[in-house]
Amino acid sequence: MLIIETFTATLKHDHGKRRLTIVSLSGEEGAIKQITMAENCPRIAIKNLKKISTHEIL
């Protein structure tokens, strides 16, 4: 079984805030890793991370 989770994240940076939607197969930690790599930011820049949906695929 494969679990797909969707998160929304709010990032704080020098020029304001940015809101992202992330789809992760690795849960919350996987979503955090995706954000930090894609946005080239430290973990502390993520101000809010909220799970908005979970889907299971057989």
N, C-alpha and C. Protein backbone atom coordinates (compact mmCIF):
# COMPACT_ATOMS: atom_id res chain seq x y z
N MET A 1 0.84 -1.17 0.00
CA MET A 1 0.00 0.00 0.00
C MET A 1 0.89 1.25 0.00
N LEU A 2 0.50 2.22 -0.77
CA LEU A 2 1.23 3.47 -0.92
C LEU A 2 0.40 4.60 -0.32
N ILE A 3 0.99 5.43 0.52
CA ILE A 3 0.28 6.54 1.14
C ILE A 3 0.82 7.85 0.59
N ILE A 4 -0.08 8.64 0.03
CA ILE A 4 0.27 9.94 -0.53
C ILE A 4 -0.35 11.00 0.37
N GLU A 5 0.48 11.91 0.86
CA GLU A 5 0.00 12.98 1.73
C GLU A 5 0.26 14.33 1.08
N THR A 6 -0.70 15.24 1.23
CA THR A 6 -0.56 16.59 0.71
C THR A 6 -0.48 17.56 1.88
N PHE A 7 0.48 18.48 1.81
CA PHE A 7 0.72 19.45 2.87
C PHE A 7 0.69 20.86 2.28
N THR A 8 0.35 21.83 3.13
CA THR A 8 0.58 23.23 2.78
C THR A 8 1.64 23.74 3.75
N ALA A 9 2.52 24.57 3.24
CA ALA A 9 3.60 25.12 4.05
C ALA A 9 3.68 26.62 3.83
N THR A 10 4.03 27.32 4.90
CA THR A 10 4.29 28.75 4.83
C THR A 10 5.76 28.96 5.13
N LEU A 11 6.44 29.64 4.20
CA LEU A 11 7.87 29.94 4.35
C LEU A 11 8.04 31.42 4.60
N LYS A 12 8.96 31.76 5.47
CA LYS A 12 9.31 33.16 5.73
C LYS A 12 10.70 33.38 5.15
N HIS A 13 10.85 34.42 4.32
CA HIS A 13 12.16 34.73 3.76
C HIS A 13 12.38 36.23 3.76
N ASP A 14 13.48 36.66 3.23
CA ASP A 14 13.87 38.08 3.27
C ASP A 14 12.84 39.02 2.64
N HIS A 15 12.10 38.53 1.66
CA HIS A 15 11.19 39.38 0.91
C HIS A 15 9.73 39.14 1.27
N GLY A 16 9.45 38.47 2.39
CA GLY A 16 8.07 38.24 2.79
C GLY A 16 7.79 36.77 3.06
N LYS A 17 6.56 36.36 2.74
CA LYS A 17 6.14 34.98 2.96
C LYS A 17 5.76 34.33 1.64
N ARG A 18 5.84 33.02 1.62
CA ARG A 18 5.45 32.24 0.46
C ARG A 18 4.68 31.03 0.95
N ARG A 19 3.59 30.70 0.30
CA ARG A 19 2.80 29.52 0.64
C ARG A 19 2.95 28.49 -0.48
N LEU A 20 3.22 27.24 -0.08
CA LEU A 20 3.44 26.15 -1.04
C LEU A 20 2.50 24.99 -0.75
N THR A 21 2.22 24.20 -1.76
CA THR A 21 1.52 22.93 -1.60
C THR A 21 2.50 21.84 -2.01
N ILE A 22 2.65 20.83 -1.15
CA ILE A 22 3.63 19.77 -1.36
C ILE A 22 2.93 18.43 -1.32
N VAL A 23 3.26 17.54 -2.25
CA VAL A 23 2.78 16.17 -2.25
C VAL A 23 3.96 15.29 -1.87
N SER A 24 3.77 14.46 -0.84
CA SER A 24 4.89 13.66 -0.32
C SER A 24 4.50 12.20 -0.17
N LEU A 25 5.42 11.32 -0.50
CA LEU A 25 5.27 9.89 -0.25
C LEU A 25 5.99 9.49 1.03
N SER A 26 6.72 10.43 1.64
CA SER A 26 7.55 10.14 2.81
C SER A 26 7.08 10.86 4.06
N GLY A 27 5.84 11.28 4.11
CA GLY A 27 5.30 11.92 5.29
C GLY A 27 5.81 13.33 5.49
N GLU A 28 5.67 13.81 6.72
CA GLU A 28 6.04 15.18 7.05
C GLU A 28 7.53 15.45 6.86
N GLU A 29 8.36 14.53 7.30
CA GLU A 29 9.81 14.73 7.14
C GLU A 29 10.21 14.76 5.66
N GLY A 30 9.55 13.95 4.84
CA GLY A 30 9.82 13.98 3.41
C GLY A 30 9.41 15.30 2.78
N ALA A 31 8.28 15.85 3.23
CA ALA A 31 7.81 17.14 2.73
C ALA A 31 8.80 18.24 3.12
N ILE A 32 9.29 18.20 4.35
CA ILE A 32 10.26 19.19 4.81
C ILE A 32 11.54 19.12 3.97
N LYS A 33 11.99 17.91 3.69
CA LYS A 33 13.19 17.74 2.87
C LYS A 33 12.98 18.29 1.46
N GLN A 34 11.80 18.02 0.88
CA GLN A 34 11.49 18.53 -0.45
C GLN A 34 11.53 20.06 -0.46
N ILE A 35 10.94 20.67 0.55
CA ILE A 35 10.89 22.14 0.62
C ILE A 35 12.28 22.73 0.74
N THR A 36 13.07 22.21 1.67
CA THR A 36 14.41 22.78 1.89
C THR A 36 15.30 22.62 0.66
N MET A 37 15.15 21.52 -0.05
CA MET A 37 15.96 21.32 -1.26
C MET A 37 15.48 22.19 -2.41
N ALA A 38 14.18 22.25 -2.63
CA ALA A 38 13.63 23.00 -3.77
C ALA A 38 13.77 24.51 -3.59
N GLU A 39 13.60 24.98 -2.36
CA GLU A 39 13.65 26.42 -2.09
C GLU A 39 15.02 26.88 -1.62
N ASN A 40 15.94 25.93 -1.41
CA ASN A 40 17.29 26.24 -0.93
C ASN A 40 17.24 27.10 0.33
N CYS A 41 16.49 26.58 1.32
CA CYS A 41 16.29 27.32 2.56
C CYS A 41 16.54 26.41 3.76
N PRO A 42 16.83 26.99 4.91
CA PRO A 42 17.00 26.18 6.12
C PRO A 42 15.63 25.75 6.66
N ARG A 43 15.64 24.74 7.50
CA ARG A 43 14.41 24.23 8.10
C ARG A 43 13.68 25.31 8.90
N ILE A 44 14.41 26.19 9.50
CA ILE A 44 13.82 27.24 10.33
C ILE A 44 12.97 28.22 9.52
N ALA A 45 13.14 28.26 8.20
CA ALA A 45 12.34 29.14 7.35
C ALA A 45 10.90 28.63 7.20
N ILE A 46 10.66 27.36 7.50
CA ILE A 46 9.31 26.79 7.41
C ILE A 46 8.57 27.16 8.69
N LYS A 47 7.61 28.08 8.58
CA LYS A 47 6.90 28.57 9.75
C LYS A 47 5.66 27.75 10.07
N ASN A 48 5.08 27.11 9.07
CA ASN A 48 3.87 26.33 9.30
C ASN A 48 3.83 25.20 8.27
N LEU A 49 3.48 24.01 8.72
CA LEU A 49 3.32 22.86 7.83
C LEU A 49 2.08 22.12 8.30
N LYS A 50 1.10 22.02 7.41
CA LYS A 50 -0.18 21.42 7.78
C LYS A 50 -0.58 20.37 6.75
N LYS A 51 -0.96 19.18 7.24
CA LYS A 51 -1.43 18.11 6.36
C LYS A 51 -2.86 18.44 5.94
N ILE A 52 -3.13 18.43 4.64
CA ILE A 52 -4.48 18.74 4.18
C ILE A 52 -5.21 17.52 3.63
N SER A 53 -4.46 16.48 3.23
CA SER A 53 -5.15 15.26 2.78
C SER A 53 -4.20 14.06 2.80
N THR A 54 -4.81 12.88 2.89
CA THR A 54 -4.10 11.62 2.85
C THR A 54 -4.86 10.67 1.92
N HIS A 55 -4.14 10.03 1.01
CA HIS A 55 -4.76 9.07 0.10
C HIS A 55 -3.96 7.78 0.14
N GLU A 56 -4.66 6.65 0.16
CA GLU A 56 -4.03 5.35 0.11
C GLU A 56 -4.27 4.72 -1.25
N ILE A 57 -3.21 4.19 -1.83
CA ILE A 57 -3.32 3.52 -3.13
C ILE A 57 -2.87 2.09 -2.93
N LEU A 58 -3.66 1.16 -3.39
CA LEU A 58 -3.33 -0.25 -3.23
C LEU A 58 -2.32 -0.72 -4.24
